[in-house]
Amino acid sequence: MLFSIIIPFKETNIKYVKDCIESLEEQTFKDFEVLLVHNRTDQLPSLLKDSSLNYRPIPMDNPSNVSGLRNKGLLETEGDYVLFLDSDDYLHPNAFMYAKKIIDTESPEAIRLKINTTHFDKKTSFDKNNQAFYKTNTLETLNQVFNKLSIDITSKQGETLINELFEENVLNFNYNERQPEQIMKRLNRPLKVHGFVFQRNFLIENNISFDETLDLYGEIPFLMKIYHRIPSILETTVGLYYKLIHNDPINYPSLSQEFFSDRSFQFFRALKIVLQDSDNLDIARQVKQRAIKHYLYTIIKNEEFLESFERNIPLYHELQAIFLTESAPVKLANRHRMEISSISRGNFRIAYFTSKARVIGYTVYQFSQPKKKRFRQKLLQEYIFSKLPIQENIIIYESFLGRNYSDSPKAIFKHLLKQQTHKKKHIWVLNDKDMVKDEAEFHHKDVKVIKRFSWKYFYYVTVAKYFVLNMRQPKWLHKKPEQIILSTWHGTPLKKLVFDMDNVASANPIIKKISISNREIGII
């Protein structure tokens, strides 16, 4: 058997797993086994009841984490090569045939299937691929060609034909060779194990396994041990592994989307473990650079980092251990030298307040730029206007992003204005005042028109008590708990508002996340 596919399985959205299983069933090359390592789940029997795969469900009682599941799978494999596949991802039908040709030609210890990230299901993602023989309807197209030639061909024969085209080098199987000094910079997702194909005997002979002491990043020490022991990695030039980015991180989060208060600490801890065993100074330099980049461009921009020095001390200890490890020289921009050198010397307080001052300074710089009007408005709304008290008599109306005076907001406005028994101030958000110049109600002394995203807009949306809208508000607007929003989306009592959708394949993939977040805090 050539391939063993290890899939750590957890309870998740069934649609994700179905795409994963189907992508294996659709492989043109079928000399492989599938190991589904799971924590006593009840979902697998129904998922696999009609499957033709050579699969083995492997139950595991109380695994420590995903690394424990992967290690269990490694012990059970029988194939010459091992592929790591996440249960929410999927492969292109040509993936194993492509990998087989590389193996036949080079016999490498490691292959990386190039990764395509996607927010969409399998069919949609494949339909977006315009390369010949990599579209989802390749077999269907072949059938049409043979039908024109009056030749009958079965699905099995179509798969065999594609394999033979690879075997006879009619279809290319190109790859890039990544050397150790290029891994962090050139390899796609170098710290993630999914999409890697490793020679099984190589892993066994070098006693390489996942670090189960790390809940989140046990794959980093695993991969680094491999990088230290092989001359190169062959990465396919064609995207064959599809990494699904979950559009619903509330109900069905991936491991990378789940909240862990010590996520960054665990990341640095994993890098520190790697460096303790590293004898390759160039790889050690790349690891340091990854730690520095994460600190400078992720950690210090986090609001929680800016709140307290004391809570960041454990992070600084991990970083200091990383920076003091021997490596090839690391180049630093002058503006970052004080922060990094202070961490290396153990002067954490100096490093913290230097980083904090730099973030604040950059924010002030952005604020001062002539083209950054919206940025200034957001800051003033959040930190200045938000301190103003709510005015109970103000109602804001907006229809279709300020483009219209129409719809339910208009009807409610006219009714309230007509029935007004209490003194209310009615504010309409309209991009063009001229559209209502002939409307009698806009000559009322208690009615005012403001332009969307003007300075007056940011002021009024902060102090108004009530909103009457027929669309979403910008996520970044600072809203107060005591403000009341009446959403008049048509059919709202009947619509599911995306909650009935397994996967939101929209132009804006964060819509469902925003909707669910709003539901969690009681906005909708």
Protein backbone atom coordinates (compact mmCIF):
# COMPACT_ATOMS: atom_id res chain seq x y z
CA MET A 1 0.00 0.00 0.00
CA LEU A 2 1.44 3.37 -1.01
CA PHE A 3 -0.43 5.91 1.16
CA SER A 4 -1.91 6.05 4.67
CA ILE A 5 -4.12 9.08 5.34
CA ILE A 6 -4.38 10.12 8.99
CA ILE A 7 -7.47 12.18 9.85
CA PRO A 8 -7.91 13.37 13.45
CA PHE A 9 -11.68 13.51 13.80
CA LYS A 10 -13.84 15.53 16.19
CA GLU A 11 -17.53 16.37 16.33
CA THR A 12 -18.03 19.10 13.76
CA ASN A 13 -20.23 20.30 10.94
CA ILE A 14 -21.14 17.14 8.97
CA LYS A 15 -20.94 19.06 5.68
CA TYR A 16 -17.24 19.71 6.23
CA VAL A 17 -16.51 16.02 6.84
CA LYS A 18 -18.60 14.87 3.87
CA ASP A 19 -16.50 17.02 1.54
CA CYS A 20 -13.36 15.50 3.05
CA ILE A 21 -14.59 11.90 2.65
CA GLU A 22 -15.94 12.53 -0.86
CA SER A 23 -12.62 14.00 -1.97
CA LEU A 24 -10.92 10.74 -0.97
CA GLU A 25 -13.53 8.62 -2.76
CA GLU A 26 -12.98 10.69 -5.91
CA GLN A 27 -9.21 10.12 -6.05
CA THR A 28 -8.14 8.72 -9.42
CA PHE A 29 -5.33 6.77 -7.70
CA LYS A 30 -6.80 4.52 -5.01
CA ASP A 31 -3.92 2.61 -3.40
CA PHE A 32 -4.40 4.08 0.07
CA GLU A 33 -6.00 3.50 3.46
CA VAL A 34 -7.84 6.05 5.60
CA LEU A 35 -7.33 6.13 9.37
CA LEU A 36 -9.98 8.17 11.19
CA VAL A 37 -8.69 8.61 14.73
CA HIS A 38 -11.45 9.80 17.03
CA ASN A 39 -12.54 10.31 20.61
CA ARG A 40 -15.44 7.83 20.66
CA THR A 41 -17.63 9.87 18.29
CA ASP A 42 -21.09 8.75 17.17
CA GLN A 43 -20.93 10.56 13.82
CA LEU A 44 -18.61 8.23 11.91
CA PRO A 45 -20.90 5.20 11.29
CA SER A 46 -23.50 7.28 9.44
CA LEU A 47 -20.80 9.13 7.49
CA LEU A 48 -19.09 5.97 6.28
CA LYS A 49 -21.98 3.56 5.83
CA ASP A 50 -22.02 3.97 2.02
CA SER A 51 -18.31 4.63 1.58
CA SER A 52 -16.17 2.48 -0.68
CA LEU A 53 -12.98 3.63 1.02
CA ASN A 54 -10.45 1.33 2.66
CA TYR A 55 -10.95 2.99 6.02
CA ARG A 56 -10.30 2.15 9.64
CA PRO A 57 -11.99 4.06 12.46
CA ILE A 58 -9.56 4.09 15.39
CA PRO A 59 -11.19 5.03 18.71
CA MET A 60 -9.08 6.62 21.41
CA ASP A 61 -10.16 7.17 25.00
CA ASN A 62 -9.45 10.66 26.34
CA PRO A 63 -6.73 11.79 23.90
CA SER A 64 -4.64 14.60 25.32
CA ASN A 65 -5.15 16.76 22.21
CA VAL A 66 -4.95 16.59 18.42
CA SER A 67 -1.28 15.58 18.70
CA GLY A 68 -2.37 12.51 20.66
CA LEU A 69 -4.79 11.57 17.86
CA ARG A 70 -2.10 11.99 15.20
CA ASN A 71 0.43 9.93 17.18
CA LYS A 72 -2.12 7.14 17.57
CA GLY A 73 -2.69 7.21 13.82
CA LEU A 74 1.04 7.02 13.11
CA LEU A 75 1.32 3.83 15.17
CA GLU A 76 -1.43 2.20 13.10
CA THR A 77 -0.32 3.11 9.57
CA GLU A 78 0.63 0.48 7.00
CA GLY A 79 1.35 2.59 3.90
CA ASP A 80 4.79 3.51 2.60
CA TYR A 81 3.89 7.20 2.85
CA VAL A 82 1.78 9.06 5.40
CA LEU A 83 -0.44 12.04 4.56
CA PHE A 84 -1.96 14.28 7.24
CA LEU A 85 -5.44 15.53 6.37
CA ASP A 86 -7.74 17.60 8.61
CA SER A 87 -11.36 16.41 8.66
CA ASP A 88 -12.70 19.75 7.43
CA ASP A 89 -10.30 19.99 4.46
CA TYR A 90 -10.32 18.16 1.14
CA LEU A 91 -8.04 17.04 -1.69
CA HIS A 92 -8.15 17.46 -5.43
CA PRO A 93 -9.01 14.17 -7.25
CA ASN A 94 -5.52 14.13 -8.83
CA ALA A 95 -3.67 14.63 -5.53
CA PHE A 96 -2.45 11.06 -4.93
CA MET A 97 -1.63 10.41 -8.57
CA TYR A 98 0.42 13.61 -8.65
CA ALA A 99 2.25 12.60 -5.44
CA LYS A 100 2.82 9.07 -6.78
CA LYS A 101 4.60 10.40 -9.86
CA ILE A 102 6.92 12.49 -7.68
CA ILE A 103 7.61 9.42 -5.52
CA ASP A 104 8.30 7.25 -8.58
CA THR A 105 10.73 9.85 -9.89
CA GLU A 106 12.50 11.12 -6.76
CA SER A 107 11.67 8.77 -3.81
CA PRO A 108 11.66 11.81 -1.48
CA GLU A 109 11.33 11.72 2.30
CA ALA A 110 8.82 14.59 2.19
CA ILE A 111 6.33 16.09 -0.26
CA ARG A 112 4.12 19.07 0.38
CA LEU A 113 0.86 19.31 -1.54
CA LYS A 114 0.54 23.00 -2.31
CA ILE A 115 -2.28 24.48 -0.24
CA ASN A 116 -5.18 26.52 -1.54
CA THR A 117 -7.12 28.32 1.19
CA THR A 118 -10.85 28.60 0.57
CA HIS A 119 -14.07 29.75 2.24
CA PHE A 120 -16.14 27.54 -0.03
CA ASP A 121 -17.30 23.96 -0.32
CA LYS A 122 -15.53 21.42 -2.51
CA LYS A 123 -17.56 21.84 -5.67
CA THR A 124 -17.41 25.64 -5.60
CA SER A 125 -13.65 25.64 -5.01
CA PHE A 126 -12.94 23.17 -7.79
CA ASP A 127 -15.17 25.11 -10.21
CA LYS A 128 -12.95 28.14 -9.67
CA ASN A 129 -9.91 26.20 -10.93
CA ASN A 130 -9.33 26.96 -14.63
CA GLN A 131 -6.42 24.57 -15.20
CA ALA A 132 -7.05 21.69 -17.57
CA PHE A 133 -7.61 18.39 -15.75
CA TYR A 134 -8.01 20.22 -12.45
CA LYS A 135 -11.62 21.31 -12.85
CA THR A 136 -14.38 19.47 -11.03
CA ASN A 137 -15.98 18.39 -14.34
CA THR A 138 -12.87 16.85 -15.94
CA LEU A 139 -14.37 13.36 -16.20
CA GLU A 140 -17.59 14.80 -17.54
CA THR A 141 -15.66 16.69 -20.23
CA LEU A 142 -13.75 13.53 -21.19
CA ASN A 143 -17.07 11.70 -21.56
CA GLN A 144 -18.34 14.40 -23.89
CA VAL A 145 -15.21 14.09 -26.04
CA PHE A 146 -15.53 10.31 -26.24
CA ASN A 147 -19.25 10.55 -26.98
CA LYS A 148 -18.45 12.70 -29.99
CA LEU A 149 -16.12 9.91 -31.12
CA SER A 150 -18.85 7.32 -30.45
CA ILE A 151 -16.72 5.71 -27.72
CA ASP A 152 -18.36 4.63 -24.48
CA ILE A 153 -16.29 5.20 -21.35
CA THR A 154 -17.15 4.41 -17.73
CA SER A 155 -16.19 6.57 -14.76
CA LYS A 156 -13.58 3.96 -13.80
CA GLN A 157 -12.06 4.09 -17.28
CA GLY A 158 -12.00 7.88 -17.12
CA GLU A 159 -10.01 7.75 -13.87
CA THR A 160 -7.64 5.21 -15.41
CA LEU A 161 -7.15 7.44 -18.43
CA ILE A 162 -6.17 10.40 -16.24
CA ASN A 163 -3.72 8.20 -14.31
CA GLU A 164 -2.17 6.96 -17.55
CA LEU A 165 -1.77 10.51 -18.81
CA PHE A 166 0.25 11.20 -15.67
CA GLU A 167 2.18 7.92 -16.01
CA GLU A 168 3.14 8.69 -19.61
CA ASN A 169 4.07 12.29 -18.67
CA VAL A 170 1.37 13.77 -20.90
CA LEU A 171 0.17 15.58 -17.77
CA ASN A 172 2.94 17.36 -15.89
CA PHE A 173 3.72 16.79 -12.23
CA ASN A 174 5.89 19.80 -11.49
CA TYR A 175 7.28 20.69 -8.09
CA ASN A 176 9.64 23.14 -6.38
CA GLU A 177 12.50 21.97 -4.22
CA ARG A 178 12.68 23.84 -0.91
CA GLN A 179 16.04 23.81 0.88
CA PRO A 180 16.28 24.15 4.71
CA GLU A 181 17.34 27.79 4.44
CA GLN A 182 14.19 28.50 2.36
CA ILE A 183 11.62 26.62 4.41
CA MET A 184 10.22 29.44 6.54
CA LYS A 185 10.20 31.96 3.72
CA ARG A 186 9.27 29.91 0.66
CA LEU A 187 7.30 26.91 1.89
CA ASN A 188 3.53 27.32 2.08
CA ARG A 189 2.40 27.23 5.75
CA PRO A 190 5.69 25.84 7.07
CA LEU A 191 4.46 25.37 10.65
CA LYS A 192 1.31 23.40 9.71
CA VAL A 193 1.40 19.65 9.12
CA HIS A 194 -1.66 19.34 6.89
CA GLY A 195 -0.85 18.55 3.28
CA PHE A 196 2.50 16.93 4.07
CA VAL A 197 3.31 13.47 2.72
CA PHE A 198 6.13 11.79 4.66
CA GLN A 199 7.99 8.54 4.09
CA ARG A 200 6.76 6.31 6.91
CA ASN A 201 10.08 4.56 7.52
CA PHE A 202 11.82 7.93 7.76
CA LEU A 203 9.51 8.94 10.63
CA ILE A 204 9.97 5.61 12.40
CA GLU A 205 13.76 5.48 12.02
CA ASN A 206 14.15 9.01 13.37
CA ASN A 207 11.60 8.49 16.18
CA ILE A 208 9.63 11.56 15.13
CA SER A 209 6.24 12.13 16.78
CA PHE A 210 3.97 14.99 17.80
CA ASP A 211 4.53 16.84 21.09
CA GLU A 212 1.49 16.05 23.25
CA THR A 213 2.53 18.55 25.94
CA LEU A 214 1.35 21.33 23.62
CA ASP A 215 -2.41 21.58 23.15
CA LEU A 216 -2.17 23.87 20.13
CA TYR A 217 1.21 23.64 18.46
CA GLY A 218 2.42 20.06 18.86
CA GLU A 219 3.04 19.95 15.11
CA ILE A 220 5.76 22.61 15.24
CA PRO A 221 8.40 20.48 17.04
CA PHE A 222 7.34 17.54 14.83
CA LEU A 223 7.98 19.50 11.64
CA MET A 224 11.19 21.08 12.87
CA LYS A 225 12.70 17.68 13.63
CA ILE A 226 11.98 16.76 10.03
CA TYR A 227 13.40 20.01 8.64
CA HIS A 228 16.64 19.31 10.53
CA ARG A 229 16.98 15.82 9.04
CA ILE A 230 16.13 16.10 5.35
CA PRO A 231 18.01 17.84 2.55
CA SER A 232 14.89 19.33 0.95
CA ILE A 233 11.09 19.25 0.62
CA LEU A 234 9.35 18.89 -2.74
CA GLU A 235 6.30 21.15 -2.98
CA THR A 236 3.81 20.69 -5.82
CA THR A 237 3.33 23.70 -8.07
CA VAL A 238 -0.40 22.93 -8.36
CA GLY A 239 -2.73 23.47 -5.41
CA LEU A 240 -3.94 19.98 -4.45
CA TYR A 241 -4.81 20.45 -0.77
CA TYR A 242 -7.78 22.71 0.05
CA LYS A 243 -7.67 24.30 3.49
CA LEU A 244 -11.17 25.37 4.52
CA ILE A 245 -11.44 28.60 6.50
CA HIS A 246 -14.56 28.23 8.64
CA ASN A 247 -17.16 30.92 8.09
CA ASP A 248 -18.87 29.94 11.33
CA PRO A 249 -16.21 30.17 14.06
CA ILE A 250 -18.91 30.39 16.73
CA ASN A 251 -20.73 27.07 16.29
CA TYR A 252 -18.09 25.19 14.30
CA PRO A 253 -14.67 26.70 15.00
CA SER A 254 -11.48 25.17 13.69
CA LEU A 255 -8.70 24.66 16.22
CA SER A 256 -7.04 27.87 15.05
CA GLN A 257 -10.30 29.78 15.65
CA GLU A 258 -11.01 28.47 19.13
CA PHE A 259 -10.27 30.87 21.97
CA PHE A 260 -7.28 30.05 24.16
CA SER A 261 -6.12 32.76 26.54
CA ASP A 262 -2.57 31.39 26.35
CA ARG A 263 -2.44 30.87 22.58
CA SER A 264 0.57 33.14 22.02
CA PHE A 265 2.34 31.70 25.05
CA GLN A 266 1.93 28.20 23.63
CA PHE A 267 3.22 29.37 20.26
CA PHE A 268 6.38 30.79 21.80
CA ARG A 269 6.75 27.71 24.00
CA ALA A 270 6.67 25.51 20.87
CA LEU A 271 9.35 27.63 19.20
CA LYS A 272 11.49 27.46 22.34
CA ILE A 273 11.24 23.66 22.40
CA VAL A 274 12.33 23.58 18.77
CA LEU A 275 15.42 25.68 19.43
CA GLN A 276 16.52 23.57 22.38
CA ASP A 277 17.23 20.68 19.99
CA SER A 278 18.34 22.70 16.96
CA ASP A 279 21.84 22.27 15.56
CA ASN A 280 21.09 24.08 12.30
CA LEU A 281 21.95 27.74 12.85
CA ASP A 282 20.11 28.88 9.74
CA ILE A 283 16.86 27.17 10.75
CA ALA A 284 17.31 28.60 14.26
CA ARG A 285 17.57 32.06 12.70
CA GLN A 286 14.32 31.49 10.81
CA VAL A 287 12.57 30.38 14.00
CA LYS A 288 13.78 33.52 15.80
CA GLN A 289 12.56 35.67 12.94
CA ARG A 290 9.13 34.04 13.17
CA ALA A 291 9.00 34.77 16.93
CA ILE A 292 10.10 38.39 16.41
CA LYS A 293 7.54 38.93 13.66
CA HIS A 294 4.75 37.49 15.80
CA TYR A 295 5.68 39.74 18.71
CA LEU A 296 6.09 42.94 16.69
CA TYR A 297 3.11 42.61 14.37
CA THR A 298 0.58 40.51 16.30
CA ILE A 299 1.17 40.54 20.05
CA ILE A 300 1.73 44.23 20.65
CA LYS A 301 -1.29 45.22 18.54
CA ASN A 302 -3.58 43.20 20.77
CA GLU A 303 -5.67 45.27 23.17
CA GLU A 304 -5.02 42.78 25.98
CA PHE A 305 -1.27 43.33 25.58
CA LEU A 306 -1.69 47.07 26.05
CA GLU A 307 -3.78 46.67 29.21
CA SER A 308 -1.16 45.27 31.56
CA PHE A 309 2.58 44.69 31.78
CA GLU A 310 2.32 41.95 34.40
CA ARG A 311 0.14 39.64 32.31
CA ASN A 312 2.80 39.66 29.56
CA ILE A 313 5.74 38.62 31.76
CA PRO A 314 5.35 34.86 30.93
CA LEU A 315 5.47 35.75 27.22
CA TYR A 316 8.65 37.73 27.72
CA HIS A 317 10.36 34.83 29.51
CA GLU A 318 9.61 32.55 26.55
CA LEU A 319 10.84 35.17 24.10
CA GLN A 320 14.03 35.75 26.06
CA ALA A 321 14.83 32.02 25.94
CA ILE A 322 14.24 32.07 22.16
CA PHE A 323 16.41 35.15 21.55
CA LEU A 324 19.31 33.82 23.66
CA THR A 325 19.55 30.59 21.66
CA GLU A 326 22.51 30.40 19.27
CA SER A 327 21.65 31.03 15.63
CA ALA A 328 22.85 32.66 12.47
CA PRO A 329 22.69 36.49 12.70
CA VAL A 330 19.21 38.00 12.68
CA LYS A 331 18.74 41.32 10.91
CA LEU A 332 16.59 43.88 12.71
CA ALA A 333 15.24 47.25 11.63
CA ASN A 334 16.68 50.07 13.76
CA ARG A 335 13.25 50.96 15.11
CA HIS A 336 12.93 47.46 16.63
CA ARG A 337 16.39 47.03 18.12
CA MET A 338 15.62 48.46 21.56
CA GLU A 339 12.56 46.25 22.06
CA ILE A 340 14.25 43.01 21.03
CA SER A 341 17.55 43.71 22.81
CA SER A 342 15.68 44.66 25.99
CA ILE A 343 13.84 41.32 25.92
CA SER A 344 17.13 39.47 25.37
CA ARG A 345 18.70 41.21 28.40
CA GLY A 346 15.67 40.54 30.59
CA ASN A 347 14.62 44.19 30.75
CA PHE A 348 11.00 43.29 30.13
CA ARG A 349 9.49 46.48 31.51
CA ILE A 350 11.58 48.61 29.14
CA ALA A 351 10.63 46.33 26.23
CA TYR A 352 6.94 46.52 27.13
CA PHE A 353 6.71 50.28 27.41
CA THR A 354 8.88 50.80 24.32
CA SER A 355 6.53 48.58 22.33
CA LYS A 356 3.48 50.27 23.79
CA ALA A 357 4.87 53.73 22.97
CA ARG A 358 5.59 52.63 19.41
CA VAL A 359 2.01 51.40 18.93
CA ILE A 360 0.60 54.63 20.34
CA GLY A 361 3.01 56.67 18.24
CA TYR A 362 1.98 54.85 15.08
CA THR A 363 -1.68 55.41 15.94
CA VAL A 364 -1.01 59.14 16.35
CA TYR A 365 0.86 59.15 13.04
CA GLN A 366 -2.08 57.50 11.27
CA PHE A 367 -4.44 59.95 12.94
CA SER A 368 -2.46 62.89 11.55
CA GLN A 369 -2.45 61.74 7.93
CA PRO A 370 -4.72 63.85 5.65
CA LYS A 371 -6.13 60.74 3.94
CA LYS A 372 -7.03 59.07 7.25
CA LYS A 373 -10.27 60.95 7.94
CA ARG A 374 -12.28 57.76 8.55
CA PHE A 375 -9.59 56.49 10.94
CA ARG A 376 -9.79 59.76 12.91
CA GLN A 377 -13.56 59.57 12.98
CA LYS A 378 -13.51 56.02 14.35
CA LEU A 379 -11.07 56.96 17.10
CA LEU A 380 -12.97 60.07 18.12
CA GLN A 381 -16.25 58.18 18.11
CA GLU A 382 -14.87 55.40 20.28
CA TYR A 383 -12.80 57.46 22.72
CA ILE A 384 -14.39 60.95 22.76
CA PHE A 385 -18.00 60.86 21.57
CA SER A 386 -18.63 57.63 23.47
CA LYS A 387 -18.08 59.53 26.73
CA LEU A 388 -21.08 61.74 25.95
CA PRO A 389 -24.41 60.79 27.56
CA ILE A 390 -27.22 59.16 25.58
CA GLN A 391 -29.94 61.61 24.53
CA GLU A 392 -33.26 59.89 25.10
CA ASN A 393 -35.13 62.03 22.57
CA ILE A 394 -33.00 61.25 19.48
CA ILE A 395 -34.08 58.70 16.85
CA ILE A 396 -31.85 57.87 13.86
CA TYR A 397 -33.32 56.50 10.62
CA GLU A 398 -31.40 54.96 7.76
CA SER A 399 -32.55 53.10 4.64
CA PHE A 400 -30.20 51.12 2.41
CA LEU A 401 -26.94 52.71 3.54
CA GLY A 402 -28.28 56.25 3.24
CA ARG A 403 -29.10 55.87 -0.44
CA ASN A 404 -32.88 56.09 -0.11
CA TYR A 405 -35.72 57.71 1.76
CA SER A 406 -37.87 54.60 1.65
CA ASP A 407 -39.04 51.32 3.10
CA SER A 408 -40.00 50.57 6.69
CA PRO A 409 -37.81 53.31 8.24
CA LYS A 410 -39.74 55.86 6.19
CA ALA A 411 -43.14 54.48 7.24
CA ILE A 412 -42.18 54.33 10.92
CA PHE A 413 -40.71 57.84 10.77
CA LYS A 414 -43.85 59.34 9.24
CA HIS A 415 -46.05 57.58 11.76
CA LEU A 416 -43.98 58.75 14.75
CA LEU A 417 -43.78 62.28 13.41
CA LYS A 418 -47.54 62.40 12.92
CA GLN A 419 -48.35 60.83 16.30
CA GLN A 420 -45.65 62.62 18.18
CA THR A 421 -46.80 63.27 21.73
CA HIS A 422 -43.33 63.43 23.23
CA LYS A 423 -40.63 65.75 22.06
CA LYS A 424 -38.39 63.69 19.76
CA LYS A 425 -35.60 64.70 17.44
CA HIS A 426 -35.63 62.74 14.17
CA ILE A 427 -32.28 62.33 12.39
CA TRP A 428 -32.24 60.91 8.85
CA VAL A 429 -29.04 59.51 7.35
CA LEU A 430 -29.12 60.46 3.65
CA ASN A 431 -26.25 60.81 1.22
CA ASP A 432 -28.15 63.34 -0.89
CA LYS A 433 -30.34 65.96 0.80
CA ASP A 434 -31.94 66.91 -2.50
CA MET A 435 -33.90 63.67 -2.67
CA VAL A 436 -36.15 64.91 0.18
CA LYS A 437 -36.22 68.64 -0.53
CA ASP A 438 -39.84 68.40 -1.70
CA GLU A 439 -40.97 66.15 1.19
CA ALA A 440 -43.13 68.20 3.59
CA GLU A 441 -42.01 66.25 6.68
CA PHE A 442 -38.40 67.39 6.23
CA HIS A 443 -39.42 70.99 6.83
CA HIS A 444 -40.44 70.07 10.37
CA LYS A 445 -38.29 71.78 13.01
CA ASP A 446 -37.53 68.46 14.75
CA VAL A 447 -36.24 66.70 11.61
CA LYS A 448 -32.60 66.87 10.55
CA VAL A 449 -30.66 65.27 7.67
CA ILE A 450 -27.05 64.16 8.05
CA LYS A 451 -24.69 62.50 5.57
CA ARG A 452 -23.46 58.96 6.18
CA PHE A 453 -19.93 58.89 7.70
CA SER A 454 -19.81 62.64 8.13
CA TRP A 455 -18.61 64.07 11.46
CA LYS A 456 -22.24 64.70 12.45
CA TYR A 457 -23.01 61.05 11.66
CA PHE A 458 -20.36 59.81 14.11
CA TYR A 459 -21.65 62.18 16.76
CA TYR A 460 -25.32 61.25 16.43
CA VAL A 461 -24.83 57.48 16.21
CA THR A 462 -23.01 57.73 19.53
CA VAL A 463 -25.58 59.78 21.46
CA ALA A 464 -28.86 58.58 19.88
CA LYS A 465 -31.11 56.39 21.99
CA TYR A 466 -33.00 54.70 19.13
CA PHE A 467 -32.15 53.44 15.62
CA VAL A 468 -34.63 52.43 12.90
CA LEU A 469 -32.75 50.60 10.14
CA ASN A 470 -33.22 48.13 7.32
CA MET A 471 -29.59 46.97 7.00
CA ARG A 472 -26.58 46.10 9.11
CA GLN A 473 -24.52 48.76 10.82
CA PRO A 474 -20.72 48.79 10.42
CA LYS A 475 -19.13 46.31 12.81
CA TRP A 476 -16.53 48.84 13.95
CA LEU A 477 -19.08 51.40 15.18
CA HIS A 478 -18.88 51.72 18.95
CA LYS A 479 -22.33 50.90 20.31
CA LYS A 480 -23.48 51.48 23.87
CA PRO A 481 -25.47 48.87 25.81
CA GLU A 482 -28.37 51.25 26.42
CA GLN A 483 -28.91 52.02 22.73
CA ILE A 484 -31.91 50.31 21.09
CA ILE A 485 -31.85 49.18 17.45
CA LEU A 486 -35.05 48.35 15.58
CA SER A 487 -34.07 46.29 12.55
CA THR A 488 -36.77 46.23 9.87
CA TRP A 489 -35.24 43.72 7.46
CA HIS A 490 -38.14 42.36 5.39
CA GLY A 491 -39.54 39.14 6.78
CA THR A 492 -37.25 39.10 9.80
CA PRO A 493 -39.67 36.98 11.90
CA LEU A 494 -39.59 34.30 9.18
CA LYS A 495 -36.02 34.53 7.92
CA LYS A 496 -33.21 32.48 9.47
CA LEU A 497 -30.65 35.27 8.95
CA VAL A 498 -28.00 32.74 7.80
CA PHE A 499 -28.39 30.56 10.91
CA ASP A 500 -29.80 27.71 8.78
CA MET A 501 -26.80 27.71 6.44
CA ASP A 502 -24.02 25.16 6.92
CA ASN A 503 -21.53 27.37 5.17
CA VAL A 504 -21.87 30.97 4.07
CA ALA A 505 -20.41 31.27 0.57
CA SER A 506 -20.86 35.01 0.21
CA ALA A 507 -18.78 37.93 -0.96
CA ASN A 508 -18.14 38.73 2.69
CA PRO A 509 -17.38 35.49 4.57
CA ILE A 510 -17.56 37.14 8.01
CA ILE A 511 -21.30 37.87 7.74
CA LYS A 512 -22.34 34.75 9.64
CA LYS A 513 -19.69 35.32 12.30
CA ILE A 514 -21.00 38.84 12.88
CA SER A 515 -24.63 37.67 12.93
CA ILE A 516 -23.92 34.89 15.41
CA SER A 517 -21.86 37.19 17.60
CA ASN A 518 -24.74 39.66 17.65
CA ARG A 519 -27.15 36.88 18.55
CA GLU A 520 -24.90 35.76 21.40
CA ILE A 521 -25.01 39.23 22.98
CA GLY A 522 -28.73 39.67 22.30
CA ILE A 523 -28.71 42.22 19.47
CA ILE A 524 -30.74 39.95 17.17
